[in-house]
PDB file of N, CA and C in Angstrom:
ATOM      1  N   MET A   1    -149.684-183.800 207.577  1.00  0.00           N
ATOM      2  CA  MET A   1    -149.013-183.193 206.193  1.00  0.00           C
ATOM      3  C   MET A   1    -149.959-182.286 205.553  1.00  0.00           C
ATOM      4  N   ALA A   2    -151.005-182.541 205.345  1.00  0.00           N
ATOM      5  CA  ALA A   2    -151.913-182.096 204.228  1.00  0.00           C
ATOM      6  C   ALA A   2    -152.357-180.618 205.083  1.00  0.00           C
ATOM      7  N   ARG A   3    -152.426-180.811 206.414  1.00  0.00           N
ATOM      8  CA  ARG A   3    -152.570-179.464 207.469  1.00  0.00           C
ATOM      9  C   ARG A   3    -151.554-178.372 207.292  1.00  0.00           C
ATOM     10  N   ILE A   4    -150.093-178.824 207.326  1.00  0.00           N
ATOM     11  CA  ILE A   4    -149.052-178.159 207.175  1.00  0.00           C
ATOM     12  C   ILE A   4    -148.888-177.461 205.818  1.00  0.00           C
ATOM     13  N   GLY A   5    -149.051-178.120 204.752  1.00  0.00           N
ATOM     14  CA  GLY A   5    -149.245-177.769 203.397  1.00  0.00           C
ATOM     15  C   GLY A   5    -150.623-176.501 203.185  1.00  0.00           C
ATOM     16  N   THR A   6    -151.587-176.828 203.525  1.00  0.00           N
ATOM     17  CA  THR A   6    -152.719-176.003 203.780  1.00  0.00           C
ATOM     18  C   THR A   6    -152.284-174.699 204.511  1.00  0.00           C
ATOM     19  N   GLU A   7    -151.629-174.641 205.536  1.00  0.00           N
ATOM     20  CA  GLU A   7    -151.407-173.455 206.385  1.00  0.00           C
ATOM     21  C   GLU A   7    -150.084-172.718 205.745  1.00  0.00           C
ATOM     22  N   GLY A   8    -149.173-173.452 205.243  1.00  0.00           N
ATOM     23  CA  GLY A   8    -148.070-172.908 204.614  1.00  0.00           C
ATOM     24  C   GLY A   8    -148.066-172.359 203.455  1.00  0.00           C
ATOM     25  N   PHE A   9    -149.304-172.804 202.576  1.00  0.00           N
ATOM     26  CA  PHE A   9    -149.317-172.251 201.436  1.00  0.00           C
ATOM     27  C   PHE A   9    -150.722-171.003 201.129  1.00  0.00           C
ATOM     28  N   ALA A  10    -150.897-170.592 202.389  1.00  0.00           N
ATOM     29  CA  ALA A  10    -152.222-169.916 202.693  1.00  0.00           C
ATOM     30  C   ALA A  10    -151.870-168.507 202.089  1.00  0.00           C
ATOM     31  N   PRO A  11    -152.639-167.849 201.370  1.00  0.00           N
ATOM     32  CA  PRO A  11    -152.434-166.387 200.811  1.00  0.00           C
ATOM     33  C   PRO A  11    -151.853-165.582 202.099  1.00  0.00           C
ATOM     34  N   ALA A  12    -152.233-165.467 202.892  1.00  0.00           N
ATOM     35  CA  ALA A  12    -151.769-164.607 204.123  1.00  0.00           C
ATOM     36  C   ALA A  12    -150.214-164.830 204.323  1.00  0.00           C
ATOM     37  N   VAL A  13    -149.605-165.940 204.238  1.00  0.00           N
ATOM     38  CA  VAL A  13    -148.404-166.405 204.304  1.00  0.00           C
ATOM     39  C   VAL A  13    -147.479-165.820 202.931  1.00  0.00           C
ATOM     40  N   PHE A  14    -148.028-165.976 201.819  1.00  0.00           N
ATOM     41  CA  PHE A  14    -147.580-165.367 200.655  1.00  0.00           C
ATOM     42  C   PHE A  14    -147.375-163.831 200.661  1.00  0.00           C
ATOM     43  N   ALA A  15    -148.638-163.413 201.231  1.00  0.00           N
ATOM     44  CA  ALA A  15    -148.752-161.925 201.098  1.00  0.00           C
ATOM     45  C   ALA A  15    -147.696-161.291 202.055  1.00  0.00           C
ATOM     46  N   ALA A  16    -147.198-162.186 203.122  1.00  0.00           N
ATOM     47  CA  ALA A  16    -146.225-161.596 204.047  1.00  0.00           C
ATOM     48  C   ALA A  16    -144.789-162.012 203.337  1.00  0.00           C
ATOM     49  N   ALA A  17    -144.658-162.942 202.681  1.00  0.00           N
ATOM     50  CA  ALA A  17    -143.269-163.528 202.544  1.00  0.00           C
ATOM     51  C   ALA A  17    -142.568-162.739 201.097  1.00  0.00           C
ATOM     52  N   MET A  18    -143.750-162.566 200.117  1.00  0.00           N
ATOM     53  CA  MET A  18    -143.056-161.932 198.978  1.00  0.00           C
ATOM     54  C   MET A  18    -142.919-160.520 199.013  1.00  0.00           C
ATOM     55  N   PRO A  19    -143.571-159.709 199.807  1.00  0.00           N
ATOM     56  CA  PRO A  19    -142.902-158.465 199.793  1.00  0.00           C
ATOM     57  C   PRO A  19    -141.558-158.343 200.712  1.00  0.00           C
ATOM     58  N   LEU A  20    -141.352-159.135 201.454  1.00  0.00           N
ATOM     59  CA  LEU A  20    -140.122-159.172 201.922  1.00  0.00           C
ATOM     60  C   LEU A  20    -139.065-159.597 201.123  1.00  0.00           C
ATOM     61  N   ILE A  21    -139.406-160.571 200.377  1.00  0.00           N
ATOM     62  CA  ILE A  21    -138.106-161.248 199.560  1.00  0.00           C
ATOM     63  C   ILE A  21    -137.918-160.082 198.315  1.00  0.00           C
ATOM     64  N   ILE A  22    -138.828-159.461 198.009  1.00  0.00           N
ATOM     65  CA  ILE A  22    -138.861-158.670 196.904  1.00  0.00           C
ATOM     66  C   ILE A  22    -138.172-157.069 197.374  1.00  0.00           C
ATOM     67  N   ALA A  23    -138.425-156.899 198.424  1.00  0.00           N
ATOM     68  CA  ALA A  23    -137.967-155.659 199.252  1.00  0.00           C
ATOM     69  C   ALA A  23    -136.482-155.940 199.291  1.00  0.00           C
ATOM     70  N   LEU A  24    -136.244-157.051 200.047  1.00  0.00           N
ATOM     71  CA  LEU A  24    -134.683-157.372 200.238  1.00  0.00           C
ATOM     72  C   LEU A  24    -133.842-157.382 199.052  1.00  0.00           C
ATOM     73  N   HIS A  25    -134.537-157.882 198.035  1.00  0.00           N
ATOM     74  CA  HIS A  25    -133.817-158.056 196.722  1.00  0.00           C
ATOM     75  C   HIS A  25    -133.278-156.937 196.235  1.00  0.00           C
ATOM     76  N   SER A  26    -134.579-156.031 196.032  1.00  0.00           N
ATOM     77  CA  SER A  26    -134.545-154.811 195.007  1.00  0.00           C
ATOM     78  C   SER A  26    -133.683-153.744 196.085  1.00  0.00           C
ATOM     79  N   THR A  27    -133.338-153.789 197.187  1.00  0.00           N
ATOM     80  CA  THR A  27    -132.626-152.903 197.960  1.00  0.00           C
ATOM     81  C   THR A  27    -131.372-153.434 198.595  1.00  0.00           C
ATOM     82  N   ALA A  28    -130.671-154.324 197.540  1.00  0.00           N
ATOM     83  CA  ALA A  28    -129.723-155.262 197.855  1.00  0.00           C
ATOM     84  C   ALA A  28    -128.640-154.711 199.106  1.00  0.00           C
ATOM     85  N   PRO A  29    -128.075-153.718 198.639  1.00  0.00           N
ATOM     86  CA  PRO A  29    -126.888-153.002 199.511  1.00  0.00           C
ATOM     87  C   PRO A  29    -127.332-152.677 201.064  1.00  0.00           C
ATOM     88  N   ALA A  30    -128.500-151.833 200.700  1.00  0.00           N
ATOM     89  CA  ALA A  30    -129.283-151.032 201.742  1.00  0.00           C
ATOM     90  C   ALA A  30    -130.431-152.359 202.441  1.00  0.00           C
ATOM     91  N   ILE A  31    -129.909-152.995 203.375  1.00  0.00           N
ATOM     92  CA  ILE A  31    -131.032-154.282 203.913  1.00  0.00           C
ATOM     93  C   ILE A  31    -131.999-153.277 204.720  1.00  0.00           C
ATOM     94  N   ALA A  32    -131.655-152.470 205.600  1.00  0.00           N
ATOM     95  CA  ALA A  32    -132.627-151.545 206.583  1.00  0.00           C
ATOM     96  C   ALA A  32    -133.700-150.997 205.679  1.00  0.00           C
ATOM     97  N   VAL A  33    -133.364-150.320 204.360  1.00  0.00           N
ATOM     98  CA  VAL A  33    -134.430-149.802 203.703  1.00  0.00           C
ATOM     99  C   VAL A  33    -135.151-150.809 203.025  1.00  0.00           C
ATOM    100  N   GLY A  34    -134.752-151.992 202.710  1.00  0.00           N
ATOM    101  CA  GLY A  34    -135.620-152.939 202.207  1.00  0.00           C
ATOM    102  C   GLY A  34    -136.628-153.454 203.550  1.00  0.00           C
ATOM    103  N   ILE A  35    -136.142-153.647 204.619  1.00  0.00           N
ATOM    104  CA  ILE A  35    -136.873-154.210 205.727  1.00  0.00           C
ATOM    105  C   ILE A  35    -138.003-153.392 206.169  1.00  0.00           C
ATOM    106  N   GLY A  36    -137.610-151.899 206.053  1.00  0.00           N
ATOM    107  CA  GLY A  36    -138.826-150.656 205.966  1.00  0.00           C
ATOM    108  C   GLY A  36    -139.933-151.109 205.119  1.00  0.00           C
ATOM    109  N   TRP A  37    -139.423-150.794 203.843  1.00  0.00           N
ATOM    110  CA  TRP A  37    -140.515-150.947 202.521  1.00  0.00           C
ATOM    111  C   TRP A  37    -141.210-152.433 203.133  1.00  0.00           C
ATOM    112  N   ALA A  38    -140.594-153.314 203.402  1.00  0.00           N
ATOM    113  CA  ALA A  38    -141.333-154.933 203.461  1.00  0.00           C
ATOM    114  C   ALA A  38    -142.281-154.721 204.475  1.00  0.00           C
ATOM    115  N   ALA A  39    -142.083-154.109 205.567  1.00  0.00           N
ATOM    116  CA  ALA A  39    -142.519-153.800 206.928  1.00  0.00           C
ATOM    117  C   ALA A  39    -144.097-153.212 206.553  1.00  0.00           C
ATOM    118  N   LEU A  40    -143.802-152.517 205.683  1.00  0.00           N
ATOM    119  CA  LEU A  40    -144.941-151.477 205.552  1.00  0.00           C
ATOM    120  C   LEU A  40    -145.915-152.460 204.705  1.00  0.00           C
ATOM    121  N   ALA A  41    -145.472-152.940 203.591  1.00  0.00           N
ATOM    122  CA  ALA A  41    -146.457-153.748 202.632  1.00  0.00           C
ATOM    123  C   ALA A  41    -147.026-154.976 203.679  1.00  0.00           C
ATOM    124  N   VAL A  42    -146.046-155.435 204.351  1.00  0.00           N
ATOM    125  CA  VAL A  42    -146.634-156.740 205.206  1.00  0.00           C
ATOM    126  C   VAL A  42    -147.730-156.274 206.026  1.00  0.00           C
ATOM    127  N   LEU A  43    -147.557-154.942 206.697  1.00  0.00           N
ATOM    128  CA  LEU A  43    -148.607-154.727 207.810  1.00  0.00           C
ATOM    129  C   LEU A  43    -149.838-154.483 206.836  1.00  0.00           C
ATOM    130  N   PHE A  44    -149.869-153.700 205.812  1.00  0.00           N
ATOM    131  CA  PHE A  44    -151.124-153.012 205.252  1.00  0.00           C
ATOM    132  C   PHE A  44    -151.960-154.409 204.204  1.00  0.00           C
ATOM    133  N   CYS A  45    -150.820-155.274 203.860  1.00  0.00           N
ATOM    134  CA  CYS A  45    -151.556-156.251 202.613  1.00  0.00           C
ATOM    135  C   CYS A  45    -151.398-157.415 203.198  1.00  0.00           C
ATOM    136  N   SER A  46    -150.869-157.730 204.623  1.00  0.00           N
ATOM    137  CA  SER A  46    -151.087-159.211 205.220  1.00  0.00           C
ATOM    138  C   SER A  46    -151.663-159.172 206.485  1.00  0.00           C
ATOM    139  N   VAL A  47    -151.075-158.458 207.244  1.00  0.00           N
ATOM    140  CA  VAL A  47    -151.356-158.288 208.861  1.00  0.00           C
ATOM    141  C   VAL A  47    -152.751-157.786 209.022  1.00  0.00           C
ATOM    142  N   VAL A  48    -153.285-156.779 208.701  1.00  0.00           N
ATOM    143  CA  VAL A  48    -154.527-156.038 208.792  1.00  0.00           C
ATOM    144  C   VAL A  48    -155.598-156.960 208.028  1.00  0.00           C
ATOM    145  N   PRO A  49    -155.351-157.450 206.884  1.00  0.00           N
ATOM    146  CA  PRO A  49    -156.383-158.200 206.008  1.00  0.00           C
ATOM    147  C   PRO A  49    -156.585-159.577 207.007  1.00  0.00           C
ATOM    148  N   TYR A  50    -155.654-160.025 207.306  1.00  0.00           N
ATOM    149  CA  TYR A  50    -155.474-161.484 208.379  1.00  0.00           C
ATOM    150  C   TYR A  50    -156.301-161.080 209.399  1.00  0.00           C
ATOM    151  N   GLY A  51    -155.561-160.024 210.286  1.00  0.00           N
ATOM    152  CA  GLY A  51    -156.269-159.766 211.513  1.00  0.00           C
ATOM    153  C   GLY A  51    -157.901-159.440 211.402  1.00  0.00           C
ATOM    154  N   ILE A  52    -158.320-158.869 210.407  1.00  0.00           N
ATOM    155  CA  ILE A  52    -160.005-158.602 210.149  1.00  0.00           C
ATOM    156  C   ILE A  52    -160.587-160.180 210.055  1.00  0.00           C
ATOM    157  N   ILE A  53    -159.901-160.948 209.144  1.00  0.00           N
ATOM    158  CA  ILE A  53    -160.736-162.385 209.121  1.00  0.00           C
ATOM    159  C   ILE A  53    -160.693-163.055 210.446  1.00  0.00           C
ATOM    160  N   TRP A  54    -159.522-163.165 211.158  1.00  0.00           N
ATOM    161  CA  TRP A  54    -159.335-163.847 212.602  1.00  0.00           C
ATOM    162  C   TRP A  54    -160.302-163.223 213.498  1.00  0.00           C
ATOM    163  N   LEU A  55    -160.435-161.747 213.377  1.00  0.00           N
ATOM    164  CA  LEU A  55    -161.233-161.358 214.340  1.00  0.00           C
ATOM    165  C   LEU A  55    -162.787-161.735 214.037  1.00  0.00           C
ATOM    166  N   GLY A  56    -163.198-161.862 212.670  1.00  0.00           N
ATOM    167  CA  GLY A  56    -164.322-162.320 212.502  1.00  0.00           C
ATOM    168  C   GLY A  56    -164.626-163.833 212.915  1.00  0.00           C
ATOM    169  N   VAL A  57    -163.960-164.684 212.713  1.00  0.00           N
ATOM    170  CA  VAL A  57    -163.783-165.988 213.400  1.00  0.00           C
ATOM    171  C   VAL A  57    -163.831-165.890 214.937  1.00  0.00           C
ATOM    172  N   ARG A  58    -163.037-165.431 215.592  1.00  0.00           N
ATOM    173  CA  ARG A  58    -163.246-165.244 217.286  1.00  0.00           C
ATOM    174  C   ARG A  58    -164.628-164.711 217.423  1.00  0.00           C
ATOM    175  N   ARG A  59    -165.165-163.948 216.836  1.00  0.00           N
ATOM    176  CA  ARG A  59    -166.636-163.304 217.197  1.00  0.00           C
ATOM    177  C   ARG A  59    -167.569-164.258 216.598  1.00  0.00           C
ATOM    178  N   GLY A  60    -167.437-165.446 215.761  1.00  0.00           N
ATOM    179  CA  GLY A  60    -168.439-166.054 215.216  1.00  0.00           C
ATOM    180  C   GLY A  60    -169.159-165.841 213.991  1.00  0.00           C
ATOM    181  N   ARG A  61    -168.757-164.666 213.288  1.00  0.00           N
ATOM    182  CA  ARG A  61    -169.420-164.372 212.195  1.00  0.00           C
ATOM    183  C   ARG A  61    -168.655-165.225 211.039  1.00  0.00           C
ATOM    184  N   LEU A  62    -167.646-165.564 211.174  1.00  0.00           N
ATOM    185  CA  LEU A  62    -167.207-166.478 210.034  1.00  0.00           C
ATOM    186  C   LEU A  62    -166.567-167.979 210.763  1.00  0.00           C
ATOM    187  N   THR A  63    -167.023-168.812 209.786  1.00  0.00           N
ATOM    188  CA  THR A  63    -166.779-170.363 210.409  1.00  0.00           C
ATOM    189  C   THR A  63    -165.223-170.680 210.484  1.00  0.00           C
ATOM    190  N   ASP A  64    -164.166-170.103 209.539  1.00  0.00           N
ATOM    191  CA  ASP A  64    -163.045-170.562 209.816  1.00  0.00           C
ATOM    192  C   ASP A  64    -162.231-169.449 208.986  1.00  0.00           C
ATOM    193  N   HIS A  65    -161.056-169.571 209.162  1.00  0.00           N
ATOM    194  CA  HIS A  65    -160.101-168.458 208.684  1.00  0.00           C
ATOM    195  C   HIS A  65    -159.625-168.596 206.803  1.00  0.00           C
ATOM    196  N   HIS A  66    -160.215-169.693 206.408  1.00  0.00           N
ATOM    197  CA  HIS A  66    -160.103-169.831 205.294  1.00  0.00           C
ATOM    198  C   HIS A  66    -161.422-169.689 204.152  1.00  0.00           C
ATOM    199  N   LEU A  67    -162.378-168.975 204.939  1.00  0.00           N
ATOM    200  CA  LEU A  67    -163.390-168.518 204.301  1.00  0.00           C
ATOM    201  C   LEU A  67    -164.077-169.501 203.399  1.00  0.00           C
ATOM    202  N   GLY A  68    -164.213-170.844 204.117  1.00  0.00           N
ATOM    203  CA  GLY A  68    -164.679-171.796 203.111  1.00  0.00           C
ATOM    204  C   GLY A  68    -166.259-171.724 202.714  1.00  0.00           C
ATOM    205  N   VAL A  69    -166.902-170.856 203.674  1.00  0.00           N
ATOM    206  CA  VAL A  69    -168.365-170.642 202.951  1.00  0.00           C
ATOM    207  C   VAL A  69    -168.475-169.437 202.178  1.00  0.00           C
ATOM    208  N   ARG A  70    -168.853-169.706 201.242  1.00  0.00           N
ATOM    209  CA  ARG A  70    -169.084-168.653 199.913  1.00  0.00           C
ATOM    210  C   ARG A  70    -169.371-167.404 200.309  1.00  0.00           C
ATOM    211  N   GLU A  71    -170.713-167.428 200.820  1.00  0.00           N
ATOM    212  CA  GLU A  71    -171.527-166.178 201.552  1.00  0.00           C
ATOM    213  C   GLU A  71    -170.973-165.285 202.526  1.00  0.00           C
ATOM    214  N   GLN A  72    -169.787-166.018 202.840  1.00  0.00           N
ATOM    215  CA  GLN A  72    -169.319-165.130 204.151  1.00  0.00           C
ATOM    216  C   GLN A  72    -168.029-164.311 203.653  1.00  0.00           C
ATOM    217  N   ARG A  73    -167.722-164.579 202.530  1.00  0.00           N
ATOM    218  CA  ARG A  73    -166.368-163.973 201.630  1.00  0.00           C
ATOM    219  C   ARG A  73    -166.630-162.387 201.604  1.00  0.00           C
ATOM    220  N   ARG A  74    -167.682-161.931 200.956  1.00  0.00           N
ATOM    221  CA  ARG A  74    -168.023-160.436 200.737  1.00  0.00           C
ATOM    222  C   ARG A  74    -167.183-159.528 201.898  1.00  0.00           C
ATOM    223  N   GLY A  75    -167.731-159.609 202.756  1.00  0.00           N
ATOM    224  CA  GLY A  75    -167.370-158.742 204.258  1.00  0.00           C
ATOM    225  C   GLY A  75    -165.849-158.621 204.382  1.00  0.00           C
ATOM    226  N   PRO A  76    -165.375-159.725 204.689  1.00  0.00           N
ATOM    227  CA  PRO A  76    -163.925-159.652 205.049  1.00  0.00           C
ATOM    228  C   PRO A  76    -163.025-159.300 203.965  1.00  0.00           C
ATOM    229  N   LEU A  77    -163.391-159.900 202.750  1.00  0.00           N
ATOM    230  CA  LEU A  77    -162.655-159.298 201.652  1.00  0.00           C
ATOM    231  C   LEU A  77    -162.609-157.803 201.158  1.00  0.00           C
ATOM    232  N   SER A  78    -163.714-157.486 201.202  1.00  0.00           N
ATOM    233  CA  SER A  78    -163.914-155.927 200.728  1.00  0.00           C
ATOM    234  C   SER A  78    -162.997-155.113 201.998  1.00  0.00           C
ATOM    235  N   THR A  79    -163.366-155.531 203.199  1.00  0.00           N
ATOM    236  CA  THR A  79    -162.665-154.507 204.320  1.00  0.00           C
ATOM    237  C   THR A  79    -161.043-155.045 204.279  1.00  0.00           C
ATOM    238  N   GLY A  80    -161.121-156.329 203.937  1.00  0.00           N
ATOM    239  CA  GLY A  80    -159.468-156.722 204.057  1.00  0.00           C
ATOM    240  C   GLY A  80    -158.700-155.948 202.768  1.00  0.00           C
ATOM    241  N   CYS A  81    -159.517-155.294 201.672  1.00  0.00           N
ATOM    242  CA  CYS A  81    -158.650-154.741 200.698  1.00  0.00           C
ATOM    243  C   CYS A  81    -158.570-153.123 200.948  1.00  0.00           C
ATOM    244  N   CYS A  82    -159.263-152.754 202.115  1.00  0.00           N
ATOM    245  CA  CYS A  82    -159.474-151.275 202.254  1.00  0.00           C
ATOM    246  C   CYS A  82    -158.032-150.919 202.805  1.00  0.00           C
ATOM    247  N   PRO A  83    -157.214-151.494 203.783  1.00  0.00           N
ATOM    248  CA  PRO A  83    -156.046-150.876 204.290  1.00  0.00           C
ATOM    249  C   PRO A  83    -155.073-150.972 203.502  1.00  0.00           C
ATOM    250  N   SER A  84    -155.058-151.624 202.286  1.00  0.00           N
ATOM    251  CA  SER A  84    -153.980-151.454 201.173  1.00  0.00           C
ATOM    252  C   SER A  84    -154.153-150.447 200.292  1.00  0.00           C
ATOM    253  N   LEU A  85    -155.244-149.821 200.395  1.00  0.00           N
ATOM    254  CA  LEU A  85    -155.591-148.668 199.275  1.00  0.00           C
ATOM    255  C   LEU A  85    -154.582-147.234 199.485  1.00  0.00           C
ATOM    256  N   PRO A  86    -154.162-147.057 200.835  1.00  0.00           N
ATOM    257  CA  PRO A  86    -153.476-145.839 201.100  1.00  0.00           C
ATOM    258  C   PRO A  86    -151.990-146.018 200.669  1.00  0.00           C
ATOM    259  N   VAL A  87    -151.689-147.495 200.494  1.00  0.00           N
ATOM    260  CA  VAL A  87    -150.401-147.552 200.178  1.00  0.00           C
ATOM    261  C   VAL A  87    -150.156-147.584 198.848  1.00  0.00           C
ATOM    262  N   CYS A  88    -151.307-147.856 197.915  1.00  0.00           N
ATOM    263  CA  CYS A  88    -150.974-147.784 196.483  1.00  0.00           C
ATOM    264  C   CYS A  88    -150.864-146.496 195.975  1.00  0.00           C
ATOM    265  N   PRO A  89    -151.335-145.699 196.074  1.00  0.00           N
ATOM    266  CA  PRO A  89    -151.054-144.136 195.585  1.00  0.00           C
ATOM    267  C   PRO A  89    -149.699-143.763 196.183  1.00  0.00           C
ATOM    268  N   ASP A  90    -149.439-143.947 197.538  1.00  0.00           N
ATOM    269  CA  ASP A  90    -148.164-143.528 198.006  1.00  0.00           C
ATOM    270  C   ASP A  90    -147.133-144.284 196.925  1.00  0.00           C
ATOM    271  N   SER A  91    -146.984-145.536 197.071  1.00  0.00           N
ATOM    272  CA  SER A  91    -146.074-146.190 196.132  1.00  0.00           C
ATOM    273  C   SER A  91    -146.105-145.874 194.661  1.00  0.00           C
ATOM    274  N   PHE A  92    -147.184-145.411 194.194  1.00  0.00           N
ATOM    275  CA  PHE A  92    -147.242-145.092 192.615  1.00  0.00           C
ATOM    276  C   PHE A  92    -146.380-143.689 192.675  1.00  0.00           C
ATOM    277  N   PHE A  93    -146.738-142.623 193.548  1.00  0.00           N
ATOM    278  CA  PHE A  93    -146.033-141.181 193.511  1.00  0.00           C
ATOM    279  C   PHE A  93    -144.620-141.431 193.923  1.00  0.00           C
ATOM    280  N   SER A  94    -144.353-142.218 195.066  1.00  0.00           N
ATOM    281  CA  SER A  94    -142.900-142.156 195.765  1.00  0.00           C
ATOM    282  C   SER A  94    -142.113-143.013 194.375  1.00  0.00           C
ATOM    283  N   ALA A  95    -142.720-143.841 193.588  1.00  0.00           N
ATOM    284  CA  ALA A  95    -141.556-144.521 192.595  1.00  0.00           C
ATOM    285  C   ALA A  95    -141.435-143.452 191.367  1.00  0.00           C
ATOM    286  N   HIS A  96    -142.484-142.940 191.045  1.00  0.00           N
ATOM    287  CA  HIS A  96    -141.985-141.675 189.971  1.00  0.00           C
ATOM    288  C   HIS A  96    -141.468-140.498 190.453  1.00  0.00           C
ATOM    289  N   LEU A  97    -141.214-140.192 191.764  1.00  0.00           N
ATOM    290  CA  LEU A  97    -140.472-139.348 192.450  1.00  0.00           C
ATOM    291  C   LEU A  97    -138.962-139.747 192.836  1.00  0.00           C
ATOM    292  N   GLY A  98    -138.994-140.799 192.716  1.00  0.00           N
ATOM    293  CA  GLY A  98    -137.564-141.275 192.836  1.00  0.00           C
ATOM    294  C   GLY A  98    -137.139-141.843 194.256  1.00  0.00           C
ATOM    295  N   ARG A  99    -138.198-141.758 195.142  1.00  0.00           N
ATOM    296  CA  ARG A  99    -138.018-142.221 196.673  1.00  0.00           C
ATOM    297  C   ARG A  99    -137.995-143.602 196.877  1.00  0.00           C
ATOM    298  N   SER A 100    -138.418-144.424 195.831  1.00  0.00           N
ATOM    299  CA  SER A 100    -138.624-145.697 196.232  1.00  0.00           C
ATOM    300  C   SER A 100    -137.289-146.720 195.802  1.00  0.00           C
ATOM    301  N   PRO A 101    -137.458-148.021 195.832  1.00  0.00           N
ATOM    302  CA  PRO A 101    -136.287-148.716 195.761  1.00  0.00           C
ATOM    303  C   PRO A 101    -136.530-149.076 194.146  1.00  0.00           C
ATOM    304  N   PRO A 102    -135.428-149.063 193.629  1.00  0.00           N
ATOM    305  CA  PRO A 102    -135.459-149.382 192.094  1.00  0.00           C
ATOM    306  C   PRO A 102    -136.149-150.726 191.638  1.00  0.00           C
TER     307      PRO A 102
END
């Protein structure tokens, strides 16, 4: 039971679920547009960072995907934040130019 709760409430799950829910809610009549925005956010904010952590575990550089050893957190967290940087300026400018969902 604890294992299910730990994996179900992991940050990667929330980083994937929240953009999907928010995008679908904010683009209510146009579901396809919401799925497109959600896919972009999930890719850069969840899939790529979690893939970096998973790759580190597979290569033996990290002990587990929860990053339990404090000394091992700096590398994956800094490289995991980099994929979301191109999305942030685009989101900011598209919101002000009227191309993003309200």
